[in-house]
Amino acid sequence: MTDPAFRRYRVMAYVVGTMLCVLCFVALPLQYGFGHPLFAEVGFDIHGIIFIVYLVTVGDLSRRRGFAPKRVLAMAASGIVPGLAFFEERRVAASLERDEALARGAS
């Protein structure tokens, strides 16, 4: 897929998804289990900033492709549920590939 908006979304989905998993499965246990809160405090602040950039990429892609509000909401929510960003990114990619295949077949 050569769509630059999709590539930006894909990169940000992986960055947000990876960071959220690390925060939830490493930083929070360090904070609450071992009394080391710094990684979680700093990490969640950084995640918040990156999540805003992720939302911008979601908005850009959805505006360019005309996604339904339900799809946009699922894409946005995947940045706050650990691991969901990876699955949602694959669903979006599959949907866009189907759309491109249909467009090629129609022309």
N, C-alpha and C. Protein backbone atom coordinates (compact mmCIF):
# COMPACT_ATOMS: atom_id res chain seq x y z
N MET A 1 0.85 -1.16 0.00
CA MET A 1 0.00 0.00 0.00
C MET A 1 0.90 1.23 0.00
N THR A 2 0.63 2.16 -0.88
CA THR A 2 1.51 3.31 -1.05
C THR A 2 0.93 4.61 -0.49
N ASP A 3 -0.22 4.55 0.10
CA ASP A 3 -0.87 5.75 0.63
C ASP A 3 -0.06 6.32 1.80
N PRO A 4 0.46 7.55 1.67
CA PRO A 4 1.27 8.13 2.75
C PRO A 4 0.48 8.30 4.06
N ALA A 5 -0.81 8.61 3.96
CA ALA A 5 -1.62 8.77 5.17
C ALA A 5 -1.72 7.44 5.92
N PHE A 6 -1.86 6.35 5.16
CA PHE A 6 -1.93 5.04 5.80
C PHE A 6 -0.59 4.67 6.42
N ARG A 7 0.51 4.98 5.72
CA ARG A 7 1.82 4.67 6.29
C ARG A 7 2.05 5.43 7.60
N ARG A 8 1.65 6.69 7.64
CA ARG A 8 1.78 7.46 8.90
C ARG A 8 0.93 6.84 10.00
N TYR A 9 -0.30 6.46 9.65
CA TYR A 9 -1.17 5.81 10.63
C TYR A 9 -0.57 4.50 11.12
N ARG A 10 -0.04 3.71 10.20
CA ARG A 10 0.54 2.41 10.57
C ARG A 10 1.70 2.59 11.54
N VAL A 11 2.60 3.52 11.24
CA VAL A 11 3.74 3.77 12.12
C VAL A 11 3.26 4.20 13.50
N MET A 12 2.33 5.13 13.54
CA MET A 12 1.85 5.62 14.83
C MET A 12 1.07 4.55 15.59
N ALA A 13 0.34 3.69 14.89
CA ALA A 13 -0.37 2.60 15.56
C ALA A 13 0.61 1.67 16.25
N TYR A 14 1.70 1.34 15.56
CA TYR A 14 2.70 0.46 16.18
C TYR A 14 3.44 1.15 17.32
N VAL A 15 3.74 2.43 17.16
CA VAL A 15 4.43 3.16 18.24
C VAL A 15 3.54 3.25 19.48
N VAL A 16 2.28 3.66 19.28
CA VAL A 16 1.36 3.80 20.42
C VAL A 16 1.06 2.44 21.04
N GLY A 17 0.84 1.44 20.22
CA GLY A 17 0.55 0.10 20.73
C GLY A 17 1.70 -0.49 21.52
N THR A 18 2.90 -0.35 20.99
CA THR A 18 4.08 -0.86 21.69
C THR A 18 4.31 -0.12 22.99
N MET A 19 4.22 1.19 22.93
CA MET A 19 4.47 1.98 24.13
C MET A 19 3.44 1.67 25.22
N LEU A 20 2.18 1.55 24.83
CA LEU A 20 1.15 1.26 25.83
C LEU A 20 1.35 -0.12 26.45
N CYS A 21 1.74 -1.10 25.66
CA CYS A 21 2.00 -2.43 26.21
C CYS A 21 3.17 -2.40 27.19
N VAL A 22 4.23 -1.70 26.83
CA VAL A 22 5.39 -1.58 27.72
C VAL A 22 4.99 -0.88 29.01
N LEU A 23 4.21 0.17 28.89
CA LEU A 23 3.79 0.89 30.09
C LEU A 23 2.92 0.01 31.00
N CYS A 24 1.98 -0.68 30.40
CA CYS A 24 1.06 -1.47 31.21
C CYS A 24 1.69 -2.74 31.78
N PHE A 25 2.59 -3.36 31.03
CA PHE A 25 3.13 -4.64 31.47
C PHE A 25 4.52 -4.55 32.07
N VAL A 26 5.16 -3.38 31.99
CA VAL A 26 6.47 -3.19 32.60
C VAL A 26 6.45 -2.04 33.60
N ALA A 27 6.02 -0.87 33.15
CA ALA A 27 6.09 0.32 34.00
C ALA A 27 5.15 0.24 35.21
N LEU A 28 3.94 -0.20 35.00
CA LEU A 28 3.00 -0.28 36.14
C LEU A 28 3.43 -1.32 37.17
N PRO A 29 3.87 -2.52 36.75
CA PRO A 29 4.41 -3.44 37.76
C PRO A 29 5.63 -2.88 38.49
N LEU A 30 6.48 -2.16 37.77
CA LEU A 30 7.62 -1.53 38.45
C LEU A 30 7.16 -0.50 39.48
N GLN A 31 6.12 0.25 39.12
CA GLN A 31 5.63 1.28 40.02
C GLN A 31 4.94 0.68 41.25
N TYR A 32 3.99 -0.20 41.02
CA TYR A 32 3.20 -0.70 42.13
C TYR A 32 3.79 -1.93 42.83
N GLY A 33 4.57 -2.70 42.10
CA GLY A 33 5.14 -3.90 42.70
C GLY A 33 6.50 -3.69 43.34
N PHE A 34 7.26 -2.75 42.78
CA PHE A 34 8.63 -2.58 43.24
C PHE A 34 8.96 -1.16 43.71
N GLY A 35 7.96 -0.28 43.69
CA GLY A 35 8.16 1.07 44.21
C GLY A 35 9.04 1.97 43.36
N HIS A 36 9.05 1.75 42.04
CA HIS A 36 9.82 2.61 41.13
C HIS A 36 8.85 3.33 40.18
N PRO A 37 8.32 4.48 40.59
CA PRO A 37 7.27 5.14 39.81
C PRO A 37 7.77 6.00 38.65
N LEU A 38 9.05 6.28 38.57
CA LEU A 38 9.54 7.26 37.58
C LEU A 38 9.24 6.83 36.15
N PHE A 39 9.48 5.58 35.81
CA PHE A 39 9.25 5.11 34.44
C PHE A 39 7.79 5.28 34.04
N ALA A 40 6.88 4.97 34.94
CA ALA A 40 5.45 5.11 34.63
C ALA A 40 5.06 6.58 34.51
N GLU A 41 5.57 7.40 35.42
CA GLU A 41 5.21 8.82 35.40
C GLU A 41 5.65 9.48 34.09
N VAL A 42 6.89 9.26 33.73
CA VAL A 42 7.42 9.86 32.51
C VAL A 42 6.82 9.18 31.28
N GLY A 43 6.71 7.87 31.33
CA GLY A 43 6.19 7.12 30.18
C GLY A 43 4.77 7.48 29.82
N PHE A 44 3.91 7.63 30.80
CA PHE A 44 2.52 7.97 30.50
C PHE A 44 2.39 9.41 29.99
N ASP A 45 3.26 10.31 30.45
CA ASP A 45 3.27 11.66 29.89
C ASP A 45 3.66 11.63 28.40
N ILE A 46 4.69 10.87 28.09
CA ILE A 46 5.13 10.74 26.70
C ILE A 46 4.05 10.05 25.86
N HIS A 47 3.44 9.03 26.44
CA HIS A 47 2.36 8.33 25.72
C HIS A 47 1.22 9.30 25.40
N GLY A 48 0.91 10.19 26.32
CA GLY A 48 -0.16 11.16 26.08
C GLY A 48 0.14 12.05 24.89
N ILE A 49 1.37 12.50 24.78
CA ILE A 49 1.77 13.34 23.65
C ILE A 49 1.72 12.54 22.35
N ILE A 50 2.27 11.34 22.39
CA ILE A 50 2.27 10.49 21.20
C ILE A 50 0.85 10.10 20.81
N PHE A 51 -0.02 9.90 21.80
CA PHE A 51 -1.41 9.56 21.51
C PHE A 51 -2.10 10.69 20.75
N ILE A 52 -1.79 11.92 21.06
CA ILE A 52 -2.37 13.05 20.34
C ILE A 52 -1.93 13.03 18.88
N VAL A 53 -0.64 12.75 18.65
CA VAL A 53 -0.14 12.62 17.27
C VAL A 53 -0.85 11.47 16.57
N TYR A 54 -1.06 10.37 17.29
CA TYR A 54 -1.78 9.22 16.74
C TYR A 54 -3.20 9.62 16.34
N LEU A 55 -3.87 10.38 17.17
CA LEU A 55 -5.24 10.82 16.85
C LEU A 55 -5.26 11.70 15.61
N VAL A 56 -4.23 12.51 15.43
CA VAL A 56 -4.14 13.33 14.23
C VAL A 56 -4.01 12.44 12.99
N THR A 57 -3.19 11.38 13.08
CA THR A 57 -3.04 10.48 11.94
C THR A 57 -4.33 9.71 11.67
N VAL A 58 -5.05 9.34 12.74
CA VAL A 58 -6.35 8.68 12.57
C VAL A 58 -7.31 9.63 11.86
N GLY A 59 -7.35 10.88 12.30
CA GLY A 59 -8.23 11.86 11.67
C GLY A 59 -7.88 12.10 10.22
N ASP A 60 -6.60 12.20 9.94
CA ASP A 60 -6.16 12.44 8.56
C ASP A 60 -6.56 11.28 7.66
N LEU A 61 -6.26 10.06 8.07
CA LEU A 61 -6.60 8.89 7.26
C LEU A 61 -8.11 8.75 7.09
N SER A 62 -8.84 8.94 8.16
CA SER A 62 -10.29 8.78 8.07
C SER A 62 -10.93 9.86 7.20
N ARG A 63 -10.37 11.08 7.23
CA ARG A 63 -10.89 12.15 6.37
C ARG A 63 -10.61 11.84 4.90
N ARG A 64 -9.41 11.36 4.62
CA ARG A 64 -9.04 11.05 3.24
C ARG A 64 -9.82 9.85 2.69
N ARG A 65 -10.11 8.88 3.53
CA ARG A 65 -10.77 7.65 3.07
C ARG A 65 -12.26 7.62 3.36
N GLY A 66 -12.78 8.59 4.09
CA GLY A 66 -14.21 8.65 4.35
C GLY A 66 -14.72 7.52 5.24
N PHE A 67 -13.96 7.21 6.28
CA PHE A 67 -14.37 6.14 7.19
C PHE A 67 -15.63 6.54 7.96
N ALA A 68 -16.40 5.53 8.31
CA ALA A 68 -17.59 5.73 9.14
C ALA A 68 -17.16 6.11 10.56
N PRO A 69 -18.01 6.85 11.27
CA PRO A 69 -17.66 7.24 12.64
C PRO A 69 -17.34 6.06 13.55
N LYS A 70 -18.02 4.94 13.35
CA LYS A 70 -17.77 3.76 14.17
C LYS A 70 -16.33 3.26 13.97
N ARG A 71 -15.84 3.27 12.74
CA ARG A 71 -14.47 2.85 12.44
C ARG A 71 -13.47 3.83 13.07
N VAL A 72 -13.75 5.12 12.96
CA VAL A 72 -12.85 6.14 13.53
C VAL A 72 -12.79 5.98 15.04
N LEU A 73 -13.91 5.74 15.67
CA LEU A 73 -13.94 5.54 17.12
C LEU A 73 -13.14 4.30 17.52
N ALA A 74 -13.26 3.23 16.75
CA ALA A 74 -12.50 2.01 17.05
C ALA A 74 -11.00 2.26 16.89
N MET A 75 -10.63 3.01 15.86
CA MET A 75 -9.22 3.33 15.65
C MET A 75 -8.69 4.18 16.80
N ALA A 76 -9.46 5.16 17.23
CA ALA A 76 -9.01 6.04 18.32
C ALA A 76 -8.93 5.27 19.63
N ALA A 77 -9.91 4.43 19.90
CA ALA A 77 -9.93 3.68 21.16
C ALA A 77 -8.81 2.65 21.22
N SER A 78 -8.31 2.22 20.08
CA SER A 78 -7.25 1.22 20.09
C SER A 78 -5.95 1.78 20.66
N GLY A 79 -5.85 3.07 20.80
CA GLY A 79 -4.67 3.67 21.40
C GLY A 79 -4.70 3.72 22.91
N ILE A 80 -5.82 3.29 23.50
CA ILE A 80 -5.91 3.31 24.96
C ILE A 80 -6.16 1.93 25.56
N VAL A 81 -6.28 0.92 24.71
CA VAL A 81 -6.43 -0.46 25.18
C VAL A 81 -5.17 -1.22 24.77
N PRO A 82 -4.42 -1.74 25.73
CA PRO A 82 -3.15 -2.41 25.39
C PRO A 82 -3.32 -3.55 24.38
N GLY A 83 -2.54 -3.49 23.31
CA GLY A 83 -2.55 -4.54 22.30
C GLY A 83 -3.57 -4.36 21.19
N LEU A 84 -4.59 -3.58 21.41
CA LEU A 84 -5.66 -3.44 20.42
C LEU A 84 -5.20 -2.69 19.18
N ALA A 85 -4.22 -1.82 19.30
CA ALA A 85 -3.75 -1.04 18.14
C ALA A 85 -3.24 -1.95 17.04
N PHE A 86 -2.61 -3.05 17.40
CA PHE A 86 -2.07 -3.97 16.40
C PHE A 86 -3.19 -4.65 15.61
N PHE A 87 -4.24 -5.06 16.29
CA PHE A 87 -5.36 -5.72 15.63
C PHE A 87 -6.15 -4.74 14.78
N GLU A 88 -6.36 -3.54 15.30
CA GLU A 88 -7.12 -2.54 14.54
C GLU A 88 -6.35 -2.10 13.30
N GLU A 89 -5.04 -1.97 13.41
CA GLU A 89 -4.23 -1.60 12.26
C GLU A 89 -4.36 -2.64 11.16
N ARG A 90 -4.36 -3.91 11.52
CA ARG A 90 -4.52 -4.98 10.53
C ARG A 90 -5.91 -4.93 9.88
N ARG A 91 -6.93 -4.63 10.68
CA ARG A 91 -8.29 -4.52 10.12
C ARG A 91 -8.38 -3.37 9.13
N VAL A 92 -7.78 -2.24 9.48
CA VAL A 92 -7.78 -1.08 8.58
C VAL A 92 -7.02 -1.41 7.30
N ALA A 93 -5.86 -2.04 7.44
CA ALA A 93 -5.06 -2.41 6.26
C ALA A 93 -5.85 -3.36 5.35
N ALA A 94 -6.49 -4.35 5.92
CA ALA A 94 -7.27 -5.29 5.12
C ALA A 94 -8.42 -4.58 4.42
N SER A 95 -9.07 -3.68 5.11
CA SER A 95 -10.18 -2.92 4.52
C SER A 95 -9.69 -2.06 3.36
N LEU A 96 -8.57 -1.39 3.54
CA LEU A 96 -8.04 -0.54 2.47
C LEU A 96 -7.58 -1.38 1.28
N GLU A 97 -7.00 -2.54 1.55
CA GLU A 97 -6.58 -3.41 0.45
C GLU A 97 -7.80 -3.92 -0.34
N ARG A 98 -8.88 -4.25 0.37
CA ARG A 98 -10.12 -4.66 -0.32
C ARG A 98 -10.65 -3.52 -1.18
N ASP A 99 -10.65 -2.31 -0.62
CA ASP A 99 -11.14 -1.16 -1.38
C ASP A 99 -10.31 -0.92 -2.63
N GLU A 100 -8.99 -1.05 -2.51
CA GLU A 100 -8.12 -0.84 -3.67
C GLU A 100 -8.32 -1.95 -4.71
N ALA A 101 -8.52 -3.18 -4.25
CA ALA A 101 -8.76 -4.28 -5.18
C ALA A 101 -10.08 -4.07 -5.94
N LEU A 102 -11.10 -3.60 -5.23
CA LEU A 102 -12.38 -3.32 -5.88
C LEU A 102 -12.24 -2.18 -6.89
N ALA A 103 -11.47 -1.17 -6.52
CA ALA A 103 -11.27 -0.04 -7.43
C ALA A 103 -10.52 -0.47 -8.69
N ARG A 104 -9.53 -1.36 -8.53
CA ARG A 104 -8.79 -1.87 -9.69
C ARG A 104 -9.70 -2.73 -10.57
N GLY A 105 -10.56 -3.50 -9.92
CA GLY A 105 -11.47 -4.37 -10.67
C GLY A 105 -12.54 -3.57 -11.41
N ALA A 106 -12.93 -2.46 -10.87
CA ALA A 106 -13.97 -1.64 -11.49
C ALA A 106 -13.44 -0.83 -12.67
N SER A 107 -12.14 -0.60 -12.69
CA SER A 107 -11.60 0.22 -13.79
C SER A 107 -11.11 -0.58 -14.96
